[in-house]
């Protein structure tokens, strides 16, 4: 057995050798760390393959400037963090509210779906049955008040668009109390966080006045499958998608987790649980409270393990967050991004 003095001497020798060769040893360690980091970078770049698999084609792009009003079909759009934009038209950046700032949608006023909105340069043009056309400036005077609004029990602001359009809306809805139109100004106001409405959304997913998501995608074959089960067909207008995809199988969008379209990248977050708004007839503005919800419930309810998320809402279409902003147009291929290696 080695004596205590011999062990002590050995330890002292190791310490002296380390101190004498410390610099070379540290350099060697640094080189080793750098080599490992470089290998990992090379592995990510060359070892991991990114494959694009076309799953469909963009057949329609729809923008809803005023929440719950009619859509505008466009040939191309810019996809921003807050949703789609085409020229001066930004998706659901305008909102009808009560005098107290509570949102007014097709759930409260079904006839709102009959209001058509078009862009005319620096203005929005509003038309509705029995009403004269009215123009609303896209850029409101800074003297107009900023209202504190409530969208699904969450606070968000909007700049009041004036008394003229307020009178127009109040008259159209035959309301005993005033309705007003507000506009969200991205450079001034704070958006809502999507995960405050639906928990599966990521911290980075932000919205203005949509229900829960900046982008909702639906395939036309899914609509065909639904209508094959119904006595009276419904239209895309019942479901208000942002992007419509053709040349795919019904409900194949349920599995499109990572999507590339044009220069835009989208990340699927969750399915869209459908509510009573889908039962408002987009041609008459009458709410049935039955179809297409009743038929959807026969074959599109979620698994029981997801009841905490969707409850009894049938699923139709998919919600996406925006991973990369960009441009896309009608006719662009829709790719699913897959990684391997």
C-alpha atoms as a PDB file:
ATOM      1  CA  UNK A   1       0.000   0.000   0.000  1.00  0.00           C
ATOM      2  CA  UNK A   2       1.359   3.403  -0.960  1.00  0.00           C
ATOM      3  CA  UNK A   3       2.293   5.675   1.867  1.00  0.00           C
ATOM      4  CA  UNK A   4       0.558   8.996   2.452  1.00  0.00           C
ATOM      5  CA  UNK A   5       3.753  10.845   1.519  1.00  0.00           C
ATOM      6  CA  UNK A   6       4.031   9.057  -1.847  1.00  0.00           C
ATOM      7  CA  UNK A   7       0.360   9.822  -2.695  1.00  0.00           C
ATOM      8  CA  UNK A   8       0.883  13.466  -1.753  1.00  0.00           C
ATOM      9  CA  UNK A   9       3.953  13.635  -3.963  1.00  0.00           C
ATOM     10  CA  UNK A  10       2.064  12.169  -6.900  1.00  0.00           C
ATOM     11  CA  UNK A  11      -0.728  14.700  -6.558  1.00  0.00           C
ATOM     12  CA  UNK A  12       1.818  17.536  -6.354  1.00  0.00           C
ATOM     13  CA  UNK A  13       3.465  16.252  -9.540  1.00  0.00           C
ATOM     14  CA  UNK A  14       0.127  16.209 -11.411  1.00  0.00           C
ATOM     15  CA  UNK A  15      -0.638  19.764 -10.300  1.00  0.00           C
ATOM     16  CA  UNK A  16       2.787  21.011 -11.399  1.00  0.00           C
ATOM     17  CA  UNK A  17       2.465  19.271 -14.778  1.00  0.00           C
ATOM     18  CA  UNK A  18      -0.978  20.794 -15.351  1.00  0.00           C
ATOM     19  CA  UNK A  19       0.241  24.275 -14.484  1.00  0.00           C
ATOM     20  CA  UNK A  20       3.236  23.849 -16.793  1.00  0.00           C
ATOM     21  CA  UNK A  21       1.077  22.616 -19.706  1.00  0.00           C
ATOM     22  CA  UNK A  22      -2.121  24.511 -18.889  1.00  0.00           C
ATOM     23  CA  UNK A  23      -2.166  26.683 -21.994  1.00  0.00           C
ATOM     24  CA  UNK A  24      -1.697  23.801 -24.462  1.00  0.00           C
ATOM     25  CA  UNK A  25      -4.326  21.760 -22.634  1.00  0.00           C
ATOM     26  CA  UNK A  26      -6.861  24.608 -22.661  1.00  0.00           C
ATOM     27  CA  UNK A  27      -6.197  25.244 -26.348  1.00  0.00           C
ATOM     28  CA  UNK A  28      -6.743  21.578 -27.078  1.00  0.00           C
ATOM     29  CA  UNK A  29     -10.023  21.630 -25.139  1.00  0.00           C
ATOM     30  CA  UNK A  30     -11.132  24.731 -27.020  1.00  0.00           C
ATOM     31  CA  UNK A  31     -10.299  23.107 -30.338  1.00  0.00           C
ATOM     32  CA  UNK A  32     -12.283  20.051 -29.279  1.00  0.00           C
ATOM     33  CA  UNK A  33     -15.362  22.108 -28.401  1.00  0.00           C
ATOM     34  CA  UNK A  34     -15.091  24.013 -31.682  1.00  0.00           C
ATOM     35  CA  UNK A  35     -14.790  20.771 -33.603  1.00  0.00           C
ATOM     36  CA  UNK A  36     -17.872  19.334 -31.935  1.00  0.00           C
ATOM     37  CA  UNK A  37     -19.862  22.518 -32.635  1.00  0.00           C
ATOM     38  CA  UNK A  38     -18.717  22.511 -36.252  1.00  0.00           C
ATOM     39  CA  UNK A  39     -19.689  18.865 -36.646  1.00  0.00           C
ATOM     40  CA  UNK A  40     -23.132  19.540 -35.193  1.00  0.00           C
ATOM     41  CA  UNK A  41     -23.627  22.495 -37.595  1.00  0.00           C
ATOM     42  CA  UNK A  42     -22.524  20.352 -40.544  1.00  0.00           C
ATOM     43  CA  UNK A  43     -24.816  17.571 -39.388  1.00  0.00           C
ATOM     44  CA  UNK A  44     -27.803  19.929 -39.256  1.00  0.00           C
ATOM     45  CA  UNK A  45     -26.994  21.389 -42.657  1.00  0.00           C
ATOM     46  CA  UNK A  46     -25.988  18.265 -44.540  1.00  0.00           C
ATOM     47  CA  UNK A  47     -27.247  15.369 -42.477  1.00  0.00           C
ATOM     48  CA  UNK A  48     -30.810  16.656 -42.008  1.00  0.00           C
ATOM     49  CA  UNK A  49     -32.718  16.704 -45.265  1.00  0.00           C
ATOM     50  CA  UNK A  50     -35.707  18.957 -45.856  1.00  0.00           C
ATOM     51  CA  UNK A  51     -38.205  17.491 -48.290  1.00  0.00           C
ATOM     52  CA  UNK A  52     -41.114  19.309 -49.900  1.00  0.00           C
ATOM     53  CA  UNK A  53     -44.118  17.184 -50.797  1.00  0.00           C
ATOM     54  CA  UNK A  54     -46.881  18.851 -52.771  1.00  0.00           C
ATOM     55  CA  UNK A  55     -50.271  18.143 -51.227  1.00  0.00           C
ATOM     56  CA  UNK A  56     -52.505  20.585 -53.091  1.00  0.00           C
ATOM     57  CA  UNK A  57     -52.892  23.913 -54.860  1.00  0.00           C
ATOM     58  CA  UNK A  58     -54.179  27.269 -53.616  1.00  0.00           C
ATOM     59  CA  UNK A  59     -57.599  27.742 -55.242  1.00  0.00           C
ATOM     60  CA  UNK A  60     -58.882  30.767 -53.290  1.00  0.00           C
ATOM     61  CA  UNK A  61     -57.479  33.475 -51.026  1.00  0.00           C
ATOM     62  CA  UNK A  62     -60.075  35.228 -48.887  1.00  0.00           C
ATOM     63  CA  UNK A  63     -59.712  38.390 -46.805  1.00  0.00           C
ATOM     64  CA  UNK A  64     -62.361  39.633 -44.369  1.00  0.00           C
ATOM     65  CA  UNK A  65     -61.587  43.316 -43.682  1.00  0.00           C
ATOM     66  CA  UNK A  66     -64.468  43.694 -41.185  1.00  0.00           C
ATOM     67  CA  UNK A  67     -65.022  40.802 -38.802  1.00  0.00           C
ATOM     68  CA  UNK A  68     -68.141  38.753 -39.750  1.00  0.00           C
ATOM     69  CA  UNK A  69     -68.781  40.732 -42.965  1.00  0.00           C
ATOM     70  CA  UNK A  70     -68.394  39.286 -46.465  1.00  0.00           C
ATOM     71  CA  UNK A  71     -65.043  38.124 -47.767  1.00  0.00           C
ATOM     72  CA  UNK A  72     -63.037  39.659 -50.579  1.00  0.00           C
ATOM     73  CA  UNK A  73     -61.497  37.141 -52.956  1.00  0.00           C
ATOM     74  CA  UNK A  74     -57.997  38.167 -54.081  1.00  0.00           C
ATOM     75  CA  UNK A  75     -55.470  36.636 -56.454  1.00  0.00           C
ATOM     76  CA  UNK A  76     -52.455  37.157 -54.200  1.00  0.00           C
ATOM     77  CA  UNK A  77     -51.775  38.145 -50.633  1.00  0.00           C
ATOM     78  CA  UNK A  78     -49.005  38.999 -48.238  1.00  0.00           C
ATOM     79  CA  UNK A  79     -49.005  36.791 -45.174  1.00  0.00           C
ATOM     80  CA  UNK A  80     -48.009  38.790 -42.094  1.00  0.00           C
ATOM     81  CA  UNK A  81     -47.835  37.754 -38.452  1.00  0.00           C
ATOM     82  CA  UNK A  82     -51.344  39.159 -37.993  1.00  0.00           C
ATOM     83  CA  UNK A  83     -52.808  37.420 -41.042  1.00  0.00           C
ATOM     84  CA  UNK A  84     -53.389  38.207 -44.700  1.00  0.00           C
ATOM     85  CA  UNK A  85     -53.057  41.560 -46.412  1.00  0.00           C
ATOM     86  CA  UNK A  86     -53.800  42.726 -49.961  1.00  0.00           C
ATOM     87  CA  UNK A  87     -52.996  46.362 -50.715  1.00  0.00           C
ATOM     88  CA  UNK A  88     -54.945  48.427 -48.142  1.00  0.00           C
ATOM     89  CA  UNK A  89     -57.082  45.460 -47.051  1.00  0.00           C
ATOM     90  CA  UNK A  90     -55.974  43.679 -43.895  1.00  0.00           C
ATOM     91  CA  UNK A  91     -57.789  40.636 -42.596  1.00  0.00           C
ATOM     92  CA  UNK A  92     -60.149  41.410 -39.706  1.00  0.00           C
ATOM     93  CA  UNK A  93     -58.533  44.726 -38.827  1.00  0.00           C
ATOM     94  CA  UNK A  94     -61.960  46.405 -38.555  1.00  0.00           C
ATOM     95  CA  UNK A  95     -64.598  45.507 -35.987  1.00  0.00           C
ATOM     96  CA  UNK A  96     -68.199  46.479 -35.240  1.00  0.00           C
ATOM     97  CA  UNK A  97     -68.676  47.192 -31.535  1.00  0.00           C
ATOM     98  CA  UNK A  98     -71.276  48.517 -29.140  1.00  0.00           C
ATOM     99  CA  UNK A  99     -70.873  51.912 -27.540  1.00  0.00           C
ATOM    100  CA  UNK A 100     -69.187  50.107 -24.638  1.00  0.00           C
ATOM    101  CA  UNK A 101     -66.687  48.367 -26.955  1.00  0.00           C
ATOM    102  CA  UNK A 102     -68.176  44.855 -26.931  1.00  0.00           C
ATOM    103  CA  UNK A 103     -67.647  43.050 -30.244  1.00  0.00           C
ATOM    104  CA  UNK A 104     -70.618  42.548 -32.551  1.00  0.00           C
ATOM    105  CA  UNK A 105     -70.391  39.506 -34.847  1.00  0.00           C
ATOM    106  CA  UNK A 106     -72.765  37.236 -36.727  1.00  0.00           C
ATOM    107  CA  UNK A 107     -73.559  35.535 -33.440  1.00  0.00           C
ATOM    108  CA  UNK A 108     -75.206  38.699 -32.133  1.00  0.00           C
ATOM    109  CA  UNK A 109     -76.321  40.232 -35.468  1.00  0.00           C
ATOM    110  CA  UNK A 110     -76.631  37.529 -38.163  1.00  0.00           C
ATOM    111  CA  UNK A 111     -77.393  40.104 -40.896  1.00  0.00           C
ATOM    112  CA  UNK A 112     -73.834  41.402 -40.605  1.00  0.00           C
ATOM    113  CA  UNK A 113     -72.822  38.624 -43.044  1.00  0.00           C
ATOM    114  CA  UNK A 114     -74.735  40.501 -45.786  1.00  0.00           C
ATOM    115  CA  UNK A 115     -72.485  43.567 -45.560  1.00  0.00           C
ATOM    116  CA  UNK A 116     -70.010  43.574 -48.436  1.00  0.00           C
ATOM    117  CA  UNK A 117     -66.712  45.418 -48.154  1.00  0.00           C
ATOM    118  CA  UNK A 118     -64.456  46.434 -51.026  1.00  0.00           C
ATOM    119  CA  UNK A 119     -61.259  48.429 -51.206  1.00  0.00           C
ATOM    120  CA  UNK A 120     -61.222  51.672 -53.193  1.00  0.00           C
ATOM    121  CA  UNK A 121     -57.677  52.953 -52.835  1.00  0.00           C
ATOM    122  CA  UNK A 122     -57.594  54.785 -49.525  1.00  0.00           C
ATOM    123  CA  UNK A 123     -61.145  53.856 -48.466  1.00  0.00           C
ATOM    124  CA  UNK A 124     -63.409  50.934 -47.682  1.00  0.00           C
ATOM    125  CA  UNK A 125     -66.761  50.799 -49.429  1.00  0.00           C
ATOM    126  CA  UNK A 126     -69.630  49.250 -47.412  1.00  0.00           C
ATOM    127  CA  UNK A 127     -72.869  48.034 -48.979  1.00  0.00           C
ATOM    128  CA  UNK A 128     -75.857  46.222 -47.468  1.00  0.00           C
ATOM    129  CA  UNK A 129     -79.468  45.445 -48.431  1.00  0.00           C
ATOM    130  CA  UNK A 130     -81.672  48.534 -48.205  1.00  0.00           C
ATOM    131  CA  UNK A 131     -78.719  50.835 -47.466  1.00  0.00           C
ATOM    132  CA  UNK A 132     -76.871  53.389 -49.559  1.00  0.00           C
ATOM    133  CA  UNK A 133     -73.191  52.732 -50.151  1.00  0.00           C
ATOM    134  CA  UNK A 134     -70.881  54.392 -47.657  1.00  0.00           C
ATOM    135  CA  UNK A 135     -67.145  55.045 -47.777  1.00  0.00           C
ATOM    136  CA  UNK A 136     -64.843  54.785 -44.750  1.00  0.00           C
ATOM    137  CA  UNK A 137     -61.282  56.128 -44.855  1.00  0.00           C
ATOM    138  CA  UNK A 138     -58.623  53.502 -44.204  1.00  0.00           C
ATOM    139  CA  UNK A 139     -56.616  56.073 -42.239  1.00  0.00           C
ATOM    140  CA  UNK A 140     -58.700  57.752 -39.567  1.00  0.00           C
ATOM    141  CA  UNK A 141     -57.861  61.188 -38.105  1.00  0.00           C
ATOM    142  CA  UNK A 142     -55.750  61.016 -34.953  1.00  0.00           C
ATOM    143  CA  UNK A 143     -58.400  63.183 -33.313  1.00  0.00           C
ATOM    144  CA  UNK A 144     -60.813  60.223 -33.436  1.00  0.00           C
ATOM    145  CA  UNK A 145     -60.898  58.528 -30.068  1.00  0.00           C
ATOM    146  CA  UNK A 146     -59.258  55.186 -29.371  1.00  0.00           C
ATOM    147  CA  UNK A 147     -61.786  52.769 -27.894  1.00  0.00           C
ATOM    148  CA  UNK A 148     -61.076  49.984 -25.431  1.00  0.00           C
ATOM    149  CA  UNK A 149     -62.770  46.919 -26.919  1.00  0.00           C
ATOM    150  CA  UNK A 150     -63.510  43.364 -25.810  1.00  0.00           C
ATOM    151  CA  UNK A 151     -63.051  40.377 -28.116  1.00  0.00           C
ATOM    152  CA  UNK A 152     -63.828  37.045 -26.470  1.00  0.00           C
ATOM    153  CA  UNK A 153     -63.324  38.615 -23.048  1.00  0.00           C
ATOM    154  CA  UNK A 154     -59.878  39.950 -24.015  1.00  0.00           C
ATOM    155  CA  UNK A 155     -58.924  43.615 -24.171  1.00  0.00           C
ATOM    156  CA  UNK A 156     -57.835  45.198 -27.431  1.00  0.00           C
ATOM    157  CA  UNK A 157     -58.029  48.711 -28.829  1.00  0.00           C
ATOM    158  CA  UNK A 158     -59.451  50.213 -32.007  1.00  0.00           C
ATOM    159  CA  UNK A 159     -59.713  53.737 -33.383  1.00  0.00           C
ATOM    160  CA  UNK A 160     -63.290  54.916 -33.840  1.00  0.00           C
ATOM    161  CA  UNK A 161     -64.219  55.454 -37.502  1.00  0.00           C
ATOM    162  CA  UNK A 162     -66.658  58.283 -36.922  1.00  0.00           C
ATOM    163  CA  UNK A 163     -70.336  59.099 -36.503  1.00  0.00           C
ATOM    164  CA  UNK A 164     -71.373  58.692 -40.147  1.00  0.00           C
ATOM    165  CA  UNK A 165     -70.578  54.989 -40.372  1.00  0.00           C
ATOM    166  CA  UNK A 166     -71.884  54.532 -36.814  1.00  0.00           C
ATOM    167  CA  UNK A 167     -75.267  55.918 -37.901  1.00  0.00           C
ATOM    168  CA  UNK A 168     -75.177  53.685 -41.004  1.00  0.00           C
ATOM    169  CA  UNK A 169     -74.554  50.533 -38.939  1.00  0.00           C
ATOM    170  CA  UNK A 170     -77.088  51.437 -36.247  1.00  0.00           C
ATOM    171  CA  UNK A 171     -79.744  52.062 -38.914  1.00  0.00           C
ATOM    172  CA  UNK A 172     -78.974  48.843 -40.773  1.00  0.00           C
ATOM    173  CA  UNK A 173     -79.251  46.706 -37.648  1.00  0.00           C
ATOM    174  CA  UNK A 174     -82.272  48.689 -36.435  1.00  0.00           C
ATOM    175  CA  UNK A 175     -80.577  48.886 -33.077  1.00  0.00           C
ATOM    176  CA  UNK A 176     -81.939  50.918 -30.189  1.00  0.00           C
ATOM    177  CA  UNK A 177     -78.360  51.601 -29.069  1.00  0.00           C
ATOM    178  CA  UNK A 178     -75.480  52.854 -31.230  1.00  0.00           C
ATOM    179  CA  UNK A 179     -73.046  50.564 -33.022  1.00  0.00           C
ATOM    180  CA  UNK A 180     -69.621  51.805 -34.022  1.00  0.00           C
ATOM    181  CA  UNK A 181     -66.815  50.722 -36.336  1.00  0.00           C
ATOM    182  CA  UNK A 182     -63.233  50.637 -35.066  1.00  0.00           C
ATOM    183  CA  UNK A 183     -59.928  50.073 -36.844  1.00  0.00           C
ATOM    184  CA  UNK A 184     -56.810  48.436 -35.434  1.00  0.00           C
ATOM    185  CA  UNK A 185     -53.584  50.361 -36.061  1.00  0.00           C
ATOM    186  CA  UNK A 186     -50.625  47.919 -35.875  1.00  0.00           C
ATOM    187  CA  UNK A 187     -48.001  50.634 -35.381  1.00  0.00           C
ATOM    188  CA  UNK A 188     -49.816  51.977 -32.336  1.00  0.00           C
ATOM    189  CA  UNK A 189     -51.916  49.259 -30.750  1.00  0.00           C
ATOM    190  CA  UNK A 190     -51.100  45.967 -29.079  1.00  0.00           C
ATOM    191  CA  UNK A 191     -52.490  42.755 -30.645  1.00  0.00           C
ATOM    192  CA  UNK A 192     -54.014  39.886 -28.713  1.00  0.00           C
ATOM    193  CA  UNK A 193     -52.085  36.700 -27.985  1.00  0.00           C
ATOM    194  CA  UNK A 194     -53.761  33.723 -29.632  1.00  0.00           C
ATOM    195  CA  UNK A 195     -52.909  31.438 -26.697  1.00  0.00           C
ATOM    196  CA  UNK A 196     -55.058  33.570 -24.416  1.00  0.00           C
ATOM    197  CA  UNK A 197     -58.071  32.327 -26.395  1.00  0.00           C
ATOM    198  CA  UNK A 198     -56.871  28.831 -27.335  1.00  0.00           C
ATOM    199  CA  UNK A 199     -54.061  27.354 -25.220  1.00  0.00           C
ATOM    200  CA  UNK A 200     -52.377  25.250 -27.953  1.00  0.00           C
ATOM    201  CA  UNK A 201     -51.218  28.394 -29.750  1.00  0.00           C
ATOM    202  CA  UNK A 202     -47.633  29.466 -29.263  1.00  0.00           C
ATOM    203  CA  UNK A 203     -46.420  32.577 -27.492  1.00  0.00           C
ATOM    204  CA  UNK A 204     -45.418  34.056 -30.847  1.00  0.00           C
ATOM    205  CA  UNK A 205     -48.878  33.694 -32.430  1.00  0.00           C
ATOM    206  CA  UNK A 206     -50.672  37.045 -32.386  1.00  0.00           C
ATOM    207  CA  UNK A 207     -54.039  38.205 -33.716  1.00  0.00           C
ATOM    208  CA  UNK A 208     -56.186  41.308 -33.978  1.00  0.00           C
ATOM    209  CA  UNK A 209     -59.953  40.667 -34.171  1.00  0.00           C
ATOM    210  CA  UNK A 210     -60.137  37.022 -35.458  1.00  0.00           C
ATOM    211  CA  UNK A 211     -61.582  34.422 -33.104  1.00  0.00           C
ATOM    212  CA  UNK A 212     -58.325  32.590 -32.414  1.00  0.00           C
ATOM    213  CA  UNK A 213     -55.903  32.342 -35.324  1.00  0.00           C
ATOM    214  CA  UNK A 214     -54.259  34.518 -37.980  1.00  0.00           C
ATOM    215  CA  UNK A 215     -54.819  31.842 -40.673  1.00  0.00           C
ATOM    216  CA  UNK A 216     -57.520  29.219 -41.218  1.00  0.00           C
ATOM    217  CA  UNK A 217     -57.028  26.717 -44.034  1.00  0.00           C
ATOM    218  CA  UNK A 218     -59.681  24.452 -45.554  1.00  0.00           C
ATOM    219  CA  UNK A 219     -59.785  22.169 -48.593  1.00  0.00           C
ATOM    220  CA  UNK A 220     -62.613  22.282 -51.116  1.00  0.00           C
ATOM    221  CA  UNK A 221     -62.829  18.465 -50.998  1.00  0.00           C
ATOM    222  CA  UNK A 222     -63.671  18.643 -47.298  1.00  0.00           C
ATOM    223  CA  UNK A 223     -66.597  20.910 -48.170  1.00  0.00           C
ATOM    224  CA  UNK A 224     -67.667  18.485 -50.920  1.00  0.00           C
ATOM    225  CA  UNK A 225     -67.580  15.605 -48.436  1.00  0.00           C
ATOM    226  CA  UNK A 226     -69.731  17.556 -45.983  1.00  0.00           C
ATOM    227  CA  UNK A 227     -72.236  18.536 -48.674  1.00  0.00           C
ATOM    228  CA  UNK A 228     -72.516  14.915 -49.836  1.00  0.00           C
ATOM    229  CA  UNK A 229     -74.079  14.188 -46.437  1.00  0.00           C
ATOM    230  CA  UNK A 230     -76.504  17.131 -46.411  1.00  0.00           C
ATOM    231  CA  UNK A 231     -79.910  17.731 -47.990  1.00  0.00           C
ATOM    232  CA  UNK A 232     -79.160  21.399 -48.632  1.00  0.00           C
ATOM    233  CA  UNK A 233     -75.530  22.195 -49.496  1.00  0.00           C
ATOM    234  CA  UNK A 234     -73.644  24.968 -47.759  1.00  0.00           C
ATOM    235  CA  UNK A 235     -70.814  27.121 -49.088  1.00  0.00           C
ATOM    236  CA  UNK A 236     -67.331  28.181 -48.049  1.00  0.00           C
ATOM    237  CA  UNK A 237     -68.904  31.421 -46.815  1.00  0.00           C
ATOM    238  CA  UNK A 238     -70.390  29.468 -43.885  1.00  0.00           C
ATOM    239  CA  UNK A 239     -66.869  28.650 -42.679  1.00  0.00           C
ATOM    240  CA  UNK A 240     -64.831  31.772 -43.511  1.00  0.00           C
ATOM    241  CA  UNK A 241     -61.429  30.251 -44.413  1.00  0.00           C
ATOM    242  CA  UNK A 242     -58.392  32.354 -45.290  1.00  0.00           C
ATOM    243  CA  UNK A 243     -56.846  29.832 -47.706  1.00  0.00           C
ATOM    244  CA  UNK A 244     -58.750  27.266 -49.751  1.00  0.00           C
ATOM    245  CA  UNK A 245     -56.808  24.323 -51.181  1.00  0.00           C
ATOM    246  CA  UNK A 246     -57.797  22.090 -54.088  1.00  0.00           C
ATOM    247  CA  UNK A 247     -56.364  18.900 -55.657  1.00  0.00           C
ATOM    248  CA  UNK A 248     -56.272  16.936 -52.410  1.00  0.00           C
ATOM    249  CA  UNK A 249     -58.418  14.415 -50.548  1.00  0.00           C
ATOM    250  CA  UNK A 250     -61.119  15.424 -48.097  1.00  0.00           C
ATOM    251  CA  UNK A 251     -59.733  16.323 -44.663  1.00  0.00           C
ATOM    252  CA  UNK A 252     -56.142  15.660 -45.700  1.00  0.00           C
ATOM    253  CA  UNK A 253     -55.383  19.097 -44.229  1.00  0.00           C
ATOM    254  CA  UNK A 254     -55.832  17.513 -40.795  1.00  0.00           C
ATOM    255  CA  UNK A 255     -52.271  16.197 -41.133  1.00  0.00           C
ATOM    256  CA  UNK A 256     -50.478  19.134 -42.741  1.00  0.00           C
ATOM    257  CA  UNK A 257     -48.353  20.179 -39.781  1.00  0.00           C
ATOM    258  CA  UNK A 258     -45.698  22.278 -41.522  1.00  0.00           C
ATOM    259  CA  UNK A 259     -46.795  24.019 -44.717  1.00  0.00           C
ATOM    260  CA  UNK A 260     -44.951  26.062 -47.327  1.00  0.00           C
ATOM    261  CA  UNK A 261     -46.914  28.125 -49.834  1.00  0.00           C
ATOM    262  CA  UNK A 262     -45.163  30.740 -51.959  1.00  0.00           C
ATOM    263  CA  UNK A 263     -42.518  32.244 -49.682  1.00  0.00           C
ATOM    264  CA  UNK A 264     -44.706  31.732 -46.602  1.00  0.00           C
ATOM    265  CA  UNK A 265     -44.294  29.053 -43.910  1.00  0.00           C
ATOM    266  CA  UNK A 266     -47.238  28.068 -41.730  1.00  0.00           C
ATOM    267  CA  UNK A 267     -47.386  25.830 -38.659  1.00  0.00           C
ATOM    268  CA  UNK A 268     -50.557  23.910 -37.884  1.00  0.00           C
ATOM    269  CA  UNK A 269     -51.593  24.451 -34.280  1.00  0.00           C
ATOM    270  CA  UNK A 270     -55.046  22.910 -33.899  1.00  0.00           C
ATOM    271  CA  UNK A 271     -58.295  22.153 -35.685  1.00  0.00           C
ATOM    272  CA  UNK A 272     -61.026  24.763 -35.938  1.00  0.00           C
ATOM    273  CA  UNK A 273     -63.879  23.873 -33.589  1.00  0.00           C
ATOM    274  CA  UNK A 274     -67.076  25.096 -35.212  1.00  0.00           C
ATOM    275  CA  UNK A 275     -69.715  27.262 -33.541  1.00  0.00           C
ATOM    276  CA  UNK A 276     -73.214  28.557 -34.206  1.00  0.00           C
ATOM    277  CA  UNK A 277     -71.939  31.230 -36.620  1.00  0.00           C
ATOM    278  CA  UNK A 278     -71.683  28.509 -39.297  1.00  0.00           C
ATOM    279  CA  UNK A 279     -75.496  28.185 -39.204  1.00  0.00           C
ATOM    280  CA  UNK A 280     -76.006  31.740 -40.482  1.00  0.00           C
ATOM    281  CA  UNK A 281     -77.070  31.564 -44.125  1.00  0.00           C
ATOM    282  CA  UNK A 282     -74.613  33.832 -46.009  1.00  0.00           C
ATOM    283  CA  UNK A 283     -77.315  34.605 -48.611  1.00  0.00           C
ATOM    284  CA  UNK A 284     -80.134  35.582 -46.245  1.00  0.00           C
ATOM    285  CA  UNK A 285     -78.470  36.467 -42.941  1.00  0.00           C
ATOM    286  CA  UNK A 286     -80.806  34.073 -41.090  1.00  0.00           C
ATOM    287  CA  UNK A 287     -79.456  31.827 -38.329  1.00  0.00           C
ATOM    288  CA  UNK A 288     -80.903  28.303 -38.250  1.00  0.00           C
ATOM    289  CA  UNK A 289     -78.924  27.113 -35.219  1.00  0.00           C
ATOM    290  CA  UNK A 290     -78.871  23.651 -36.841  1.00  0.00           C
ATOM    291  CA  UNK A 291     -77.084  23.049 -40.132  1.00  0.00           C
ATOM    292  CA  UNK A 292     -74.323  22.442 -40.982  1.00  0.00           C
ATOM    293  CA  UNK A 293     -73.438  21.861 -37.308  1.00  0.00           C
ATOM    294  CA  UNK A 294     -75.858  18.955 -36.880  1.00  0.00           C
ATOM    295  CA  UNK A 295     -74.360  17.063 -39.824  1.00  0.00           C
ATOM    296  CA  UNK A 296     -70.784  17.849 -38.834  1.00  0.00           C
ATOM    297  CA  UNK A 297     -71.429  16.411 -35.386  1.00  0.00           C
ATOM    298  CA  UNK A 298     -72.255  13.033 -36.963  1.00  0.00           C
ATOM    299  CA  UNK A 299     -68.725  12.488 -38.260  1.00  0.00           C
ATOM    300  CA  UNK A 300     -66.342  15.268 -37.220  1.00  0.00           C
ATOM    301  CA  UNK A 301     -66.287  15.273 -33.416  1.00  0.00           C
ATOM    302  CA  UNK A 302     -62.866  15.093 -31.772  1.00  0.00           C
ATOM    303  CA  UNK A 303     -61.544  12.133 -29.847  1.00  0.00           C
ATOM    304  CA  UNK A 304     -62.820  12.098 -26.260  1.00  0.00           C
ATOM    305  CA  UNK A 305     -59.281  12.726 -25.019  1.00  0.00           C
ATOM    306  CA  UNK A 306     -59.504  16.180 -26.630  1.00  0.00           C
ATOM    307  CA  UNK A 307     -62.873  17.148 -25.124  1.00  0.00           C
ATOM    308  CA  UNK A 308     -61.108  19.573 -22.793  1.00  0.00           C
ATOM    309  CA  UNK A 309     -59.979  21.465 -25.880  1.00  0.00           C
ATOM    310  CA  UNK A 310     -62.884  21.216 -28.327  1.00  0.00           C
ATOM    311  CA  UNK A 311     -65.754  20.231 -26.009  1.00  0.00           C
ATOM    312  CA  UNK A 312     -68.622  19.235 -28.319  1.00  0.00           C
ATOM    313  CA  UNK A 313     -67.611  21.427 -31.256  1.00  0.00           C
ATOM    314  CA  UNK A 314     -67.179  19.555 -34.555  1.00  0.00           C
ATOM    315  CA  UNK A 315     -63.882  20.110 -36.362  1.00  0.00           C
ATOM    316  CA  UNK A 316     -63.727  21.625 -39.824  1.00  0.00           C
ATOM    317  CA  UNK A 317     -60.611  23.316 -41.180  1.00  0.00           C
ATOM    318  CA  UNK A 318     -57.249  23.900 -39.517  1.00  0.00           C
ATOM    319  CA  UNK A 319     -55.759  26.831 -37.618  1.00  0.00           C
ATOM    320  CA  UNK A 320     -52.197  27.887 -38.445  1.00  0.00           C
ATOM    321  CA  UNK A 321     -49.609  30.163 -36.929  1.00  0.00           C
ATOM    322  CA  UNK A 322     -47.194  32.081 -39.141  1.00  0.00           C
ATOM    323  CA  UNK A 323     -43.613  30.792 -39.007  1.00  0.00           C
ATOM    324  CA  UNK A 324     -42.320  32.890 -41.893  1.00  0.00           C
ATOM    325  CA  UNK A 325     -44.022  35.890 -43.468  1.00  0.00           C
ATOM    326  CA  UNK A 326     -44.122  36.056 -47.248  1.00  0.00           C
ATOM    327  CA  UNK A 327     -46.218  36.219 -50.404  1.00  0.00           C
ATOM    328  CA  UNK A 328     -48.347  33.637 -52.191  1.00  0.00           C
ATOM    329  CA  UNK A 329     -50.972  33.606 -54.919  1.00  0.00           C
ATOM    330  CA  UNK A 330     -53.817  31.556 -56.338  1.00  0.00           C
ATOM    331  CA  UNK A 331     -52.371  28.614 -58.277  1.00  0.00           C
ATOM    332  CA  UNK A 332     -49.326  28.221 -56.021  1.00  0.00           C
ATOM    333  CA  UNK A 333     -48.523  24.660 -54.948  1.00  0.00           C
ATOM    334  CA  UNK A 334     -49.054  23.836 -51.283  1.00  0.00           C
ATOM    335  CA  UNK A 335     -46.190  21.816 -49.815  1.00  0.00           C
ATOM    336  CA  UNK A 336     -45.843  19.847 -46.611  1.00  0.00           C
ATOM    337  CA  UNK A 337     -42.334  20.241 -45.221  1.00  0.00           C
ATOM    338  CA  UNK A 338     -40.764  17.037 -43.925  1.00  0.00           C
ATOM    339  CA  UNK A 339     -37.339  16.632 -42.303  1.00  0.00           C
ATOM    340  CA  UNK A 340     -35.236  13.495 -42.305  1.00  0.00           C
ATOM    341  CA  UNK A 341     -31.651  12.424 -41.572  1.00  0.00           C
END
